[in-house]
Amino acid sequence: MHRLPDTPPLHPAKVQAFVYRAPIENPVQTSFGIMHDRPAVLVRVEDRDGAYGWGEIWCNFPGVGAEHRARMLESCVAPILQERQWAHPAQAFETLSRRLEVLAIQAGEPGTVAQIIAGADMALWDLAARRLGQPLWRLFGGTPRIVTYASGLSPTDPQRLAAAKHAEGYRAFKLKVGFGEERDTANLRALREQFGPDTVLMTDANQAWDEQTAAHMSRRLAEYGPIWLEEPLRADSSPEQWRRLALASPLPLAAGENLRGDAQFDEAIDSGSFAVIQPDPGKWGGFSGCLPVARRVIAGQRMFCPHWLGGGVGLVAAMHLKAGVGHPGYVEVDSNPNPLRDLFAGPLLRPDEGTVTLPDEAGLGIEPDLAAAREFLVPHGYR
């Protein structure tokens, strides 16, 4: 069993949330909903000596959810973190998870609670690594180079956006499907014709189909050679349904962004149904939860590809998570316009032939430009 690296003790004095909303010209479509703007909830944890770290909470859906998550962080997580000194970020993660477990049940919000804990955990690890003067990828025992793919190619003219991302240095591309058989197959065929037989393509159905439709669509899409089919079924489908689909599908299956907790990830790894496991460090686990999961994924001979679709702080965290464990796999970078990604992640969004090299600066290695993002800051109303 791999253990998490040692870190200095931390005693948070201040825990803050910052809510941003950036307008976009074209809504982002998925099979289950539309994003009319790009939200981000950043977390800043400051220690008693003035050192600080940054994290990000997943907040894309529902569209009104960002402000709520910020209030939850400041009302539920902050008081616990400020109570005492923590020997390790994982100790804080475990305590927060345990103490907020009943609240999550009572409020009917286990996902929201997991997300606010995850964002706080990211910030604690960034703080700890800054205190040590180490980049997170090195602290985790990895190397700085990762391979990226451009995700979020929508069903409307995906070739145009893919061409733009190719010009920026991306060499692998993921198409959203789940918009009708003919439209999905035509879009994937167009991408294959655009890039030729050797370019890596992926598909993501965002939980769009039932088992029969998923098996049929997998056979249709397989003709164009994507390396995986992501979330073709609802994430809460039974293990038996996933096993049947895995046997029927000519395409390898991918999932994980909507799993929470060690038990669910262990079940997914052990089931044999998934070739690719994709934890989202802003939805559950941060680094304390997702780093051990990543190592178990690799030990189980599955591909580890962290999920991320949000602002730039969480994206860079996903990059460090992947870099920290190494092995073949990809880090997702959303293709759609998002000033909150671009302002916070900066030069890491320009890969060299698909590859990004993370910086040697301590922690996440970035400093969010809050002044540049000021026009997108919105109040969230917690006192």
Protein backbone atom coordinates (compact mmCIF):
# COMPACT_ATOMS: atom_id res chain seq x y z
CA MET A 1 0.00 0.00 0.00
CA HIS A 2 1.39 3.40 -1.01
CA ARG A 3 1.37 5.99 1.73
CA LEU A 4 0.86 9.69 1.29
CA PRO A 5 3.98 11.87 1.61
CA ASP A 6 4.80 13.53 4.91
CA THR A 7 3.92 17.22 5.27
CA PRO A 8 4.36 19.88 7.96
CA PRO A 9 1.48 20.45 10.41
CA LEU A 10 -1.09 23.06 9.38
CA HIS A 11 -3.36 25.28 11.47
CA PRO A 12 -5.75 27.19 9.20
CA ALA A 13 -6.65 30.67 10.41
CA LYS A 14 -8.79 31.68 7.43
CA VAL A 15 -10.83 29.66 4.93
CA GLN A 16 -12.43 31.63 2.09
CA ALA A 17 -14.49 30.92 -0.99
CA PHE A 18 -14.48 33.07 -4.12
CA VAL A 19 -17.33 32.65 -6.62
CA TYR A 20 -16.84 33.58 -10.26
CA ARG A 21 -19.17 33.48 -13.24
CA ALA A 22 -17.90 34.19 -16.74
CA PRO A 23 -20.45 34.77 -19.52
CA ILE A 24 -20.04 32.73 -22.69
CA GLU A 25 -21.34 33.31 -26.19
CA ASN A 26 -22.29 29.71 -26.96
CA PRO A 27 -23.82 27.51 -24.24
CA VAL A 28 -22.01 24.24 -23.45
CA GLN A 29 -24.26 21.27 -24.26
CA THR A 30 -24.33 17.89 -22.55
CA SER A 31 -26.90 15.12 -22.81
CA PHE A 32 -28.42 16.12 -19.45
CA GLY A 33 -28.12 19.91 -19.33
CA ILE A 34 -26.74 23.15 -20.71
CA MET A 35 -24.20 25.52 -19.16
CA HIS A 36 -25.15 29.12 -19.89
CA ASP A 37 -22.09 30.56 -18.17
CA ARG A 38 -18.82 29.20 -16.76
CA PRO A 39 -18.74 29.16 -12.95
CA ALA A 40 -15.83 28.52 -10.57
CA VAL A 41 -15.56 28.36 -6.79
CA LEU A 42 -11.99 28.88 -5.60
CA VAL A 43 -10.93 27.97 -2.07
CA ARG A 44 -8.16 29.82 -0.24
CA VAL A 45 -6.84 28.39 3.04
CA GLU A 46 -4.42 30.58 5.01
CA ASP A 47 -2.33 29.26 7.89
CA ARG A 48 -1.60 31.16 11.09
CA ASP A 49 1.79 32.22 9.78
CA GLY A 50 0.30 33.77 6.62
CA ALA A 51 1.14 30.93 4.23
CA TYR A 52 -1.75 29.92 1.99
CA GLY A 53 -2.94 27.45 -0.63
CA TRP A 54 -5.57 27.29 -3.36
CA GLY A 55 -8.18 24.72 -4.31
CA GLU A 56 -11.33 24.56 -6.43
CA ILE A 57 -14.77 23.04 -5.87
CA TRP A 58 -16.63 21.44 -8.77
CA CYS A 59 -19.77 23.52 -9.35
CA ASN A 60 -21.02 23.17 -12.93
CA PHE A 61 -24.48 21.78 -12.22
CA PRO A 62 -27.08 22.81 -11.35
CA GLY A 63 -26.53 26.24 -12.87
CA VAL A 64 -27.31 27.96 -9.56
CA GLY A 65 -25.01 25.75 -7.49
CA ALA A 66 -21.77 27.72 -7.23
CA GLU A 67 -22.95 30.20 -4.62
CA HIS A 68 -24.47 27.43 -2.54
CA ARG A 69 -21.22 25.47 -2.48
CA ALA A 70 -19.31 28.58 -1.40
CA ARG A 71 -21.72 29.13 1.49
CA MET A 72 -21.47 25.48 2.48
CA LEU A 73 -17.67 25.66 2.52
CA GLU A 74 -17.59 28.73 4.74
CA SER A 75 -20.36 27.59 7.09
CA CYS A 76 -19.52 23.88 7.40
CA VAL A 77 -15.88 23.24 6.49
CA ALA A 78 -14.17 26.42 7.66
CA PRO A 79 -15.12 26.16 11.37
CA ILE A 80 -13.80 22.59 11.59
CA LEU A 81 -10.53 23.41 9.84
CA GLN A 82 -9.94 26.40 12.12
CA GLU A 83 -10.46 24.42 15.32
CA ARG A 84 -7.01 22.90 15.59
CA GLN A 85 -3.65 22.07 14.08
CA TRP A 86 -3.67 19.23 11.57
CA ALA A 87 -0.75 16.85 11.35
CA HIS A 88 -1.47 16.17 7.68
CA PRO A 89 -4.00 17.21 4.99
CA ALA A 90 -5.33 13.65 4.96
CA GLN A 91 -6.12 13.90 8.67
CA ALA A 92 -8.23 16.98 7.97
CA PHE A 93 -9.88 15.23 4.99
CA GLU A 94 -10.81 12.19 7.07
CA THR A 95 -12.12 14.32 9.95
CA LEU A 96 -14.20 16.53 7.68
CA SER A 97 -15.63 13.48 5.91
CA ARG A 98 -16.58 11.84 9.21
CA ARG A 99 -17.99 14.91 10.95
CA LEU A 100 -20.06 16.07 7.97
CA GLU A 101 -21.37 12.63 7.06
CA VAL A 102 -24.64 12.89 8.97
CA LEU A 103 -25.19 16.46 7.75
CA ALA A 104 -24.84 15.19 4.18
CA ILE A 105 -27.53 12.57 4.83
CA GLN A 106 -29.85 14.96 6.64
CA ALA A 107 -29.55 17.63 3.94
CA GLY A 108 -29.75 15.11 1.13
CA GLU A 109 -26.52 16.55 -0.26
CA PRO A 110 -23.74 13.97 -0.07
CA GLY A 111 -22.37 15.18 -3.39
CA THR A 112 -22.23 18.83 -2.39
CA VAL A 113 -20.56 18.00 0.93
CA ALA A 114 -18.00 15.79 -0.80
CA GLN A 115 -17.25 18.60 -3.25
CA ILE A 116 -16.62 21.27 -0.63
CA ILE A 117 -14.34 18.91 1.30
CA ALA A 118 -12.48 18.08 -1.93
CA GLY A 119 -11.83 21.73 -2.73
CA ALA A 120 -10.57 22.38 0.79
CA ASP A 121 -8.29 19.34 0.58
CA MET A 122 -6.71 20.66 -2.63
CA ALA A 123 -5.98 23.95 -0.89
CA LEU A 124 -4.44 22.21 2.13
CA TRP A 125 -2.10 20.21 -0.10
CA ASP A 126 -1.12 23.33 -2.05
CA LEU A 127 -0.40 25.05 1.27
CA ALA A 128 1.61 22.10 2.59
CA ALA A 129 3.69 21.83 -0.60
CA ARG A 130 4.35 25.58 -0.59
CA ARG A 131 5.57 25.29 2.99
CA LEU A 132 7.96 22.54 1.85
CA GLY A 133 9.07 24.46 -1.24
CA GLN A 134 8.13 21.47 -3.43
CA PRO A 135 5.85 21.23 -6.47
CA LEU A 136 3.05 18.79 -5.80
CA TRP A 137 4.04 16.48 -8.65
CA ARG A 138 7.47 16.02 -7.04
CA LEU A 139 6.05 15.71 -3.52
CA PHE A 140 3.86 12.86 -4.81
CA GLY A 141 6.90 11.12 -6.30
CA GLY A 142 6.16 11.76 -9.97
CA THR A 143 7.59 13.55 -12.99
CA PRO A 144 6.36 16.84 -14.47
CA ARG A 145 5.33 15.70 -17.96
CA ILE A 146 1.73 14.74 -18.72
CA VAL A 147 -0.27 14.07 -21.87
CA THR A 148 -3.47 16.04 -22.41
CA TYR A 149 -6.58 15.73 -24.53
CA ALA A 150 -9.07 18.36 -25.65
CA SER A 151 -12.51 17.45 -24.32
CA GLY A 152 -16.00 18.85 -24.57
CA LEU A 153 -16.32 18.83 -28.37
CA SER A 154 -20.03 19.58 -28.69
CA PRO A 155 -22.41 18.01 -31.21
CA THR A 156 -22.56 21.23 -33.23
CA ASP A 157 -19.68 21.41 -35.73
CA PRO A 158 -17.07 19.67 -33.54
CA GLN A 159 -14.53 19.71 -36.38
CA ARG A 160 -14.16 23.47 -36.16
CA LEU A 161 -13.33 23.47 -32.45
CA ALA A 162 -11.09 20.42 -32.81
CA ALA A 163 -9.10 22.18 -35.54
CA ALA A 164 -8.60 25.18 -33.28
CA LYS A 165 -7.41 23.00 -30.41
CA HIS A 166 -5.06 21.11 -32.73
CA ALA A 167 -3.52 24.46 -33.68
CA GLU A 168 -2.97 25.12 -29.95
CA GLY A 169 -0.99 21.89 -29.60
CA TYR A 170 -3.55 19.23 -28.62
CA ARG A 171 -3.25 15.85 -30.26
CA ALA A 172 -6.15 13.87 -28.74
CA PHE A 173 -9.84 14.82 -28.75
CA LYS A 174 -13.04 13.77 -26.97
CA LEU A 175 -16.45 14.11 -28.59
CA LYS A 176 -19.71 14.47 -26.69
CA VAL A 177 -22.28 11.93 -27.86
CA GLY A 178 -25.82 11.11 -26.79
CA PHE A 179 -27.60 13.40 -29.27
CA GLY A 180 -29.05 10.81 -31.61
CA GLU A 181 -27.49 7.91 -33.46
CA GLU A 182 -27.00 9.58 -36.83
CA ARG A 183 -25.69 12.83 -35.38
CA ASP A 184 -23.24 11.04 -33.07
CA THR A 185 -21.87 8.76 -35.76
CA ALA A 186 -21.62 11.55 -38.33
CA ASN A 187 -19.68 13.73 -35.90
CA LEU A 188 -17.25 10.97 -34.96
CA ARG A 189 -16.78 10.01 -38.60
CA ALA A 190 -16.04 13.63 -39.48
CA LEU A 191 -13.37 13.86 -36.76
CA ARG A 192 -11.76 10.63 -37.91
CA GLU A 193 -11.69 11.86 -41.49
CA GLN A 194 -10.32 15.21 -40.34
CA PHE A 195 -7.39 13.79 -38.36
CA GLY A 196 -6.72 10.43 -39.96
CA PRO A 197 -6.39 6.94 -38.48
CA ASP A 198 -3.62 7.58 -35.94
CA THR A 199 -5.09 10.45 -33.89
CA VAL A 200 -6.47 9.47 -30.48
CA LEU A 201 -10.23 10.06 -30.20
CA MET A 202 -12.53 9.43 -27.24
CA THR A 203 -16.32 9.63 -26.79
CA ASP A 204 -18.39 10.73 -23.77
CA ALA A 205 -22.12 10.00 -23.50
CA ASN A 206 -22.65 11.73 -20.12
CA GLN A 207 -24.97 8.97 -18.84
CA ALA A 208 -27.28 9.34 -21.85
CA TRP A 209 -28.31 5.77 -22.66
CA ASP A 210 -29.94 2.63 -21.35
CA GLU A 211 -28.06 -0.66 -21.57
CA GLN A 212 -29.47 -1.74 -24.94
CA THR A 213 -28.83 1.63 -26.58
CA ALA A 214 -25.32 1.81 -25.14
CA ALA A 215 -24.41 -1.59 -26.57
CA HIS A 216 -25.81 -0.63 -29.97
CA MET A 217 -24.07 2.75 -30.01
CA SER A 218 -20.79 1.22 -28.95
CA ARG A 219 -20.92 -1.01 -32.00
CA ARG A 220 -21.76 1.95 -34.25
CA LEU A 221 -19.02 4.19 -32.85
CA ALA A 222 -16.37 1.45 -32.80
CA GLU A 223 -16.04 1.71 -36.59
CA TYR A 224 -14.23 5.02 -36.09
CA GLY A 225 -11.75 3.79 -33.50
CA PRO A 226 -12.22 5.83 -30.31
CA ILE A 227 -10.11 4.48 -27.45
CA TRP A 228 -12.97 4.64 -24.95
CA LEU A 229 -16.69 5.21 -24.44
CA GLU A 230 -17.26 7.26 -21.30
CA GLU A 231 -20.33 7.02 -19.05
CA PRO A 232 -22.68 5.41 -21.58
CA LEU A 233 -24.97 4.41 -18.67
CA ARG A 234 -26.11 6.24 -15.58
CA ALA A 235 -23.29 6.24 -13.05
CA ASP A 236 -25.55 4.49 -10.50
CA SER A 237 -26.26 1.54 -12.81
CA SER A 238 -25.79 -1.81 -11.12
CA PRO A 239 -22.51 -3.71 -11.34
CA GLU A 240 -24.36 -6.37 -13.33
CA GLN A 241 -25.47 -3.82 -15.92
CA TRP A 242 -21.92 -2.52 -16.31
CA ARG A 243 -20.55 -6.05 -16.61
CA ARG A 244 -23.06 -6.97 -19.31
CA LEU A 245 -22.30 -3.82 -21.24
CA ALA A 246 -18.55 -4.36 -20.94
CA LEU A 247 -18.97 -7.82 -22.47
CA ALA A 248 -21.21 -6.50 -25.26
CA SER A 249 -19.22 -3.38 -26.04
CA PRO A 250 -16.38 -3.45 -28.55
CA LEU A 251 -15.17 -0.17 -27.03
CA PRO A 252 -13.41 0.00 -23.65
CA LEU A 253 -15.59 1.67 -21.01
CA ALA A 254 -14.56 4.68 -18.92
CA ALA A 255 -16.17 6.15 -15.81
CA GLY A 256 -15.41 7.63 -12.40
CA GLU A 257 -16.25 11.33 -12.31
CA ASN A 258 -19.52 10.55 -10.50
CA LEU A 259 -18.16 7.99 -8.06
CA ARG A 260 -17.58 8.92 -4.41
CA GLY A 261 -15.60 7.11 -1.78
CA ASP A 262 -13.10 4.29 -1.58
CA ALA A 263 -15.75 1.56 -1.68
CA GLN A 264 -17.23 2.74 -4.98
CA PHE A 265 -13.83 3.12 -6.61
CA ASP A 266 -12.65 -0.25 -5.34
CA GLU A 267 -15.78 -1.86 -6.74
CA ALA A 268 -15.20 -0.17 -10.11
CA ILE A 269 -11.54 -1.21 -10.22
CA ASP A 270 -12.23 -4.80 -9.14
CA SER A 271 -15.25 -5.30 -11.41
CA GLY A 272 -13.20 -5.53 -14.59
CA SER A 273 -15.87 -3.52 -16.41
CA PHE A 274 -13.83 -0.35 -16.80
CA ALA A 275 -10.62 0.04 -18.76
CA VAL A 276 -10.33 3.70 -17.70
CA ILE A 277 -11.05 5.14 -14.22
CA GLN A 278 -11.58 8.91 -13.95
CA PRO A 279 -11.87 10.38 -10.45
CA ASP A 280 -12.64 14.10 -10.32
CA PRO A 281 -10.54 15.70 -7.54
CA GLY A 282 -13.03 18.57 -7.19
CA LYS A 283 -16.07 16.31 -6.79
CA TRP A 284 -14.66 13.85 -4.29
CA GLY A 285 -11.37 13.27 -2.55
CA GLY A 286 -9.12 16.14 -3.53
CA PHE A 287 -5.59 14.76 -3.36
CA SER A 288 -6.05 12.84 -0.10
CA GLY A 289 -8.72 10.62 -1.61
CA CYS A 290 -7.80 10.56 -5.30
CA LEU A 291 -4.07 9.92 -5.03
CA PRO A 292 -4.53 6.52 -3.29
CA VAL A 293 -7.32 5.67 -5.75
CA ALA A 294 -5.02 6.52 -8.67
CA ARG A 295 -2.39 4.15 -7.34
CA ARG A 296 -4.95 1.38 -6.93
CA VAL A 297 -6.18 1.98 -10.48
CA ILE A 298 -2.65 1.57 -11.80
CA ALA A 299 -2.01 -1.49 -9.64
CA GLY A 300 -5.21 -2.96 -11.09
CA GLN A 301 -3.81 -2.44 -14.59
CA ARG A 302 -6.42 0.13 -15.53
CA MET A 303 -5.72 3.50 -17.12
CA PHE A 304 -5.93 6.46 -14.73
CA CYS A 305 -7.21 9.67 -16.34
CA PRO A 306 -8.45 12.32 -13.88
CA HIS A 307 -11.61 14.14 -14.85
CA TRP A 308 -11.89 17.91 -14.75
CA LEU A 309 -14.29 20.44 -16.26
CA GLY A 310 -14.08 23.80 -14.51
CA GLY A 311 -11.71 26.64 -13.74
CA GLY A 312 -7.94 26.69 -14.00
CA VAL A 313 -7.03 25.91 -10.39
CA GLY A 314 -8.78 22.55 -10.43
CA LEU A 315 -7.37 21.80 -13.85
CA VAL A 316 -3.82 22.32 -12.63
CA ALA A 317 -4.61 20.16 -9.60
CA ALA A 318 -5.74 17.37 -11.94
CA MET A 319 -2.48 17.75 -13.84
CA HIS A 320 -0.43 17.38 -10.65
CA LEU A 321 -2.54 14.38 -9.64
CA LYS A 322 -1.78 12.64 -12.92
CA ALA A 323 1.88 13.69 -12.92
CA GLY A 324 2.25 12.46 -9.36
CA VAL A 325 1.41 8.85 -10.26
CA GLY A 326 2.71 8.68 -13.83
CA HIS A 327 1.86 5.75 -16.15
CA PRO A 328 0.04 6.00 -19.49
CA GLY A 329 -3.06 8.14 -19.50
CA TYR A 330 -4.38 11.60 -20.21
CA VAL A 331 -5.47 14.78 -18.47
CA GLU A 332 -8.67 16.36 -19.71
CA VAL A 333 -8.64 20.01 -20.83
CA ASP A 334 -12.01 21.44 -21.81
CA SER A 335 -12.07 22.86 -25.35
CA ASN A 336 -14.84 25.39 -24.82
CA PRO A 337 -14.16 29.06 -24.05
CA ASN A 338 -13.66 29.67 -20.33
CA PRO A 339 -11.89 32.81 -19.07
CA LEU A 340 -11.73 31.31 -15.57
CA ARG A 341 -9.67 28.42 -16.89
CA ASP A 342 -7.44 30.62 -19.03
CA LEU A 343 -6.77 33.28 -16.37
CA PHE A 344 -5.92 30.80 -13.63
CA ALA A 345 -4.09 28.03 -15.53
CA GLY A 346 -2.25 30.31 -17.94
CA PRO A 347 0.61 28.86 -20.00
CA LEU A 348 -0.19 25.26 -19.04
CA LEU A 349 -2.99 25.39 -21.62
CA ARG A 350 -0.54 25.36 -24.55
CA PRO A 351 0.81 21.81 -24.85
CA ASP A 352 3.74 20.83 -27.02
CA GLU A 353 2.47 18.04 -29.30
CA GLY A 354 -0.07 17.18 -26.64
CA THR A 355 2.38 17.22 -23.72
CA VAL A 356 2.45 19.68 -20.82
CA THR A 357 5.43 20.13 -18.50
CA LEU A 358 4.44 21.32 -15.03
CA PRO A 359 6.50 24.05 -13.35
CA ASP A 360 9.07 23.63 -10.59
CA GLU A 361 7.39 26.28 -8.40
CA ALA A 362 6.06 25.06 -5.06
CA GLY A 363 2.57 23.65 -4.65
CA LEU A 364 0.35 23.88 -7.69
CA GLY A 365 2.91 26.22 -9.20
CA ILE A 366 0.36 28.88 -10.11
CA GLU A 367 -0.94 32.06 -8.52
CA PRO A 368 -4.54 32.83 -9.50
CA ASP A 369 -4.77 36.35 -10.93
CA LEU A 370 -7.70 37.61 -8.87
CA ALA A 371 -7.32 41.16 -10.17
CA ALA A 372 -7.66 40.03 -13.78
CA ALA A 373 -10.74 37.97 -12.84
CA ARG A 374 -12.39 40.71 -10.78
CA GLU A 375 -15.05 41.42 -13.40
CA PHE A 376 -16.31 37.85 -13.00
CA LEU A 377 -16.47 37.84 -9.18
CA VAL A 378 -19.99 37.53 -7.77
CA PRO A 379 -21.19 37.79 -4.16
CA HIS A 380 -22.32 34.61 -2.47
CA GLY A 381 -23.92 36.11 0.58
CA TYR A 382 -22.64 34.04 3.52
CA ARG A 383 -22.04 35.91 6.78
